């Protein structure tokens, strides 16, 4: 039977602590984002990456999972240009949705540019953003249309934001 010296014992203890900590953090993140792979912040926009490796625009605190209304004023301001995809490391993720309440309460938000890749826009995504005067959608979008700051579905039968 081999006896470990104190240095080896300390190194093993630290490694075990790191492994346990990483496992707990991962479990907490998975539970918090309801099965989503992870959350991230890229070029001034908050996202979570879903189980299909797609990026969804979310709110600053990333606490608005599903239809939960956040209880804070969001931090987006000025002009926000949502990209069609984001790169994290060597991976590229298509940006396909804007989550419920993503831009809720952005009191200094003035413009939002939506790429053609956005397939869904959640409920109240732009509510309580009094300075938001322009929402521009890429002309090639198969899902949405904008005209003079009004956001509509592509068939122009539903007003999403005006």
Protein backbone atom coordinates (compact mmCIF):
# COMPACT_ATOMS: atom_id res chain seq x y z
CA UNK A 1 0.00 0.00 0.00
CA UNK A 2 1.42 3.30 -1.10
CA UNK A 3 0.99 6.34 1.10
CA UNK A 4 0.47 9.75 -0.60
CA UNK A 5 2.59 12.67 0.46
CA UNK A 6 0.94 15.92 1.58
CA UNK A 7 1.50 17.72 -1.75
CA UNK A 8 -0.15 14.94 -3.78
CA UNK A 9 -3.02 14.81 -1.32
CA UNK A 10 -3.60 18.59 -1.60
CA UNK A 11 -3.51 18.47 -5.40
CA UNK A 12 -6.06 15.64 -5.45
CA UNK A 13 -8.31 17.54 -3.05
CA UNK A 14 -8.21 20.66 -5.23
CA UNK A 15 -8.94 18.64 -8.37
CA UNK A 16 -11.89 16.89 -6.74
CA UNK A 17 -13.24 20.24 -5.55
CA UNK A 18 -12.94 21.71 -9.07
CA UNK A 19 -14.71 18.72 -10.63
CA UNK A 20 -17.53 18.86 -8.07
CA UNK A 21 -17.88 22.61 -8.54
CA UNK A 22 -18.01 22.34 -12.35
CA UNK A 23 -20.64 19.61 -12.15
CA UNK A 24 -22.82 21.66 -9.81
CA UNK A 25 -22.53 24.79 -11.94
CA UNK A 26 -23.47 22.88 -15.09
CA UNK A 27 -26.48 21.32 -13.43
CA UNK A 28 -27.62 24.71 -12.18
CA UNK A 29 -27.25 26.27 -15.64
CA UNK A 30 -29.12 23.41 -17.34
CA UNK A 31 -31.96 23.67 -14.86
CA UNK A 32 -32.04 27.47 -15.00
CA UNK A 33 -32.28 27.56 -18.79
CA UNK A 34 -34.71 24.63 -18.95
CA UNK A 35 -32.53 22.29 -20.96
CA UNK A 36 -30.77 24.94 -23.01
CA UNK A 37 -27.13 24.36 -23.75
CA UNK A 38 -25.82 27.68 -22.37
CA UNK A 39 -26.25 31.44 -22.23
CA UNK A 40 -23.87 33.98 -23.70
CA UNK A 41 -23.27 37.66 -24.46
CA UNK A 42 -21.92 38.55 -27.90
CA UNK A 43 -21.37 42.07 -29.30
CA UNK A 44 -23.80 43.71 -26.90
CA UNK A 45 -26.65 41.21 -27.24
CA UNK A 46 -27.67 38.47 -24.80
CA UNK A 47 -28.50 35.00 -26.14
CA UNK A 48 -29.11 31.50 -25.01
CA UNK A 49 -28.18 28.61 -27.22
CA UNK A 50 -30.89 25.97 -27.37
CA UNK A 51 -30.58 22.20 -27.66
CA UNK A 52 -30.68 22.55 -31.48
CA UNK A 53 -27.60 24.83 -31.44
CA UNK A 54 -29.67 27.87 -32.36
CA UNK A 55 -29.24 31.29 -30.75
CA UNK A 56 -32.26 33.05 -29.22
CA UNK A 57 -32.07 36.76 -28.33
CA UNK A 58 -32.94 37.19 -24.67
CA UNK A 59 -32.90 39.90 -22.01
CA UNK A 60 -30.04 41.28 -19.92
CA UNK A 61 -30.58 39.17 -16.85
CA UNK A 62 -31.46 36.07 -18.88
CA UNK A 63 -34.11 35.37 -16.28
CA UNK A 64 -37.06 35.58 -18.63
CA UNK A 65 -37.36 31.94 -19.64
CA UNK A 66 -40.62 31.23 -21.40
CA UNK A 67 -43.27 33.84 -20.70
CA UNK A 68 -42.00 35.13 -17.36
CA UNK A 69 -42.09 38.91 -17.27
CA UNK A 70 -38.81 40.33 -15.92
CA UNK A 71 -39.10 42.76 -13.02
CA UNK A 72 -36.34 45.15 -14.01
CA UNK A 73 -35.63 47.72 -16.70
CA UNK A 74 -33.59 46.19 -19.47
CA UNK A 75 -30.19 47.53 -20.52
CA UNK A 76 -30.47 47.59 -24.31
CA UNK A 77 -30.23 51.14 -25.63
CA UNK A 78 -29.72 53.07 -28.84
CA UNK A 79 -29.72 51.02 -32.01
CA UNK A 80 -29.52 47.22 -31.77
CA UNK A 81 -28.61 45.24 -34.88
CA UNK A 82 -29.37 41.55 -34.45
CA UNK A 83 -27.06 39.43 -36.58
CA UNK A 84 -28.21 36.43 -38.62
CA UNK A 85 -25.67 34.27 -36.78
CA UNK A 86 -23.10 34.51 -34.00
CA UNK A 87 -19.72 32.90 -33.60
CA UNK A 88 -18.50 31.50 -30.31
CA UNK A 89 -15.07 29.97 -30.57
CA UNK A 90 -15.07 27.84 -33.69
CA UNK A 91 -18.85 27.34 -33.70
CA UNK A 92 -21.44 29.38 -35.63
CA UNK A 93 -25.01 29.53 -34.33
CA UNK A 94 -27.94 30.87 -36.40
CA UNK A 95 -30.02 33.50 -34.59
CA UNK A 96 -33.59 32.28 -35.07
CA UNK A 97 -35.80 33.91 -32.45
CA UNK A 98 -36.43 36.82 -30.12
CA UNK A 99 -37.60 35.58 -26.73
CA UNK A 100 -40.66 36.82 -24.84
CA UNK A 101 -39.82 40.13 -23.12
CA UNK A 102 -36.34 40.24 -24.71
CA UNK A 103 -36.37 44.04 -25.11
CA UNK A 104 -38.99 44.70 -22.45
CA UNK A 105 -38.52 47.94 -20.54
CA UNK A 106 -35.64 49.25 -22.66
CA UNK A 107 -36.29 52.90 -21.92
CA UNK A 108 -33.40 54.09 -24.10
CA UNK A 109 -33.85 51.71 -27.04
CA UNK A 110 -34.54 53.60 -30.30
CA UNK A 111 -34.01 51.15 -33.19
CA UNK A 112 -33.94 47.40 -33.73
CA UNK A 113 -32.80 45.73 -36.94
CA UNK A 114 -34.08 42.17 -37.41
CA UNK A 115 -32.36 39.78 -39.84
CA UNK A 116 -34.17 37.42 -42.20
CA UNK A 117 -33.11 34.48 -39.99
CA UNK A 118 -35.58 35.40 -37.21
CA UNK A 119 -38.49 32.94 -37.37
CA UNK A 120 -40.35 33.87 -34.17
CA UNK A 121 -40.76 36.93 -32.00
CA UNK A 122 -42.04 36.30 -28.48
CA UNK A 123 -44.83 38.07 -26.65
CA UNK A 124 -44.16 41.57 -25.35
CA UNK A 125 -40.66 41.52 -26.82
CA UNK A 126 -40.72 45.29 -27.30
CA UNK A 127 -43.22 46.36 -24.61
CA UNK A 128 -42.50 49.28 -22.30
CA UNK A 129 -39.81 50.67 -24.63
CA UNK A 130 -41.15 54.21 -25.12
CA UNK A 131 -38.34 55.56 -27.33
CA UNK A 132 -38.44 52.66 -29.78
CA UNK A 133 -39.41 54.41 -33.02
CA UNK A 134 -38.05 52.08 -35.67
CA UNK A 135 -38.05 48.34 -36.15
CA UNK A 136 -36.44 47.38 -39.44
CA UNK A 137 -36.78 43.85 -40.84
CA UNK A 138 -34.58 42.50 -43.61
CA UNK A 139 -36.50 42.61 -46.91
CA UNK A 140 -35.77 38.92 -47.49
CA UNK A 141 -37.49 37.84 -44.26
CA UNK A 142 -40.02 35.07 -44.93
CA UNK A 143 -41.70 35.69 -41.54
CA UNK A 144 -41.90 39.43 -40.82
CA UNK A 145 -42.37 42.80 -42.51
CA UNK A 146 -41.73 46.35 -41.34
CA UNK A 147 -43.02 49.62 -42.69
CA UNK A 148 -42.34 53.02 -41.15
CA UNK A 149 -41.53 51.52 -37.77
CA UNK A 150 -44.48 49.12 -37.70
CA UNK A 151 -43.64 45.43 -37.27
CA UNK A 152 -46.06 43.00 -38.91
CA UNK A 153 -46.19 39.34 -39.81
CA UNK A 154 -45.24 38.67 -43.45
CA UNK A 155 -48.88 38.43 -44.57
CA UNK A 156 -49.53 41.84 -42.95
CA UNK A 157 -52.47 40.44 -40.98
CA UNK A 158 -51.02 40.82 -37.46
CA UNK A 159 -49.41 43.91 -35.94
CA UNK A 160 -46.61 42.87 -33.62
CA UNK A 161 -45.38 46.34 -32.65
CA UNK A 162 -46.19 49.89 -33.76
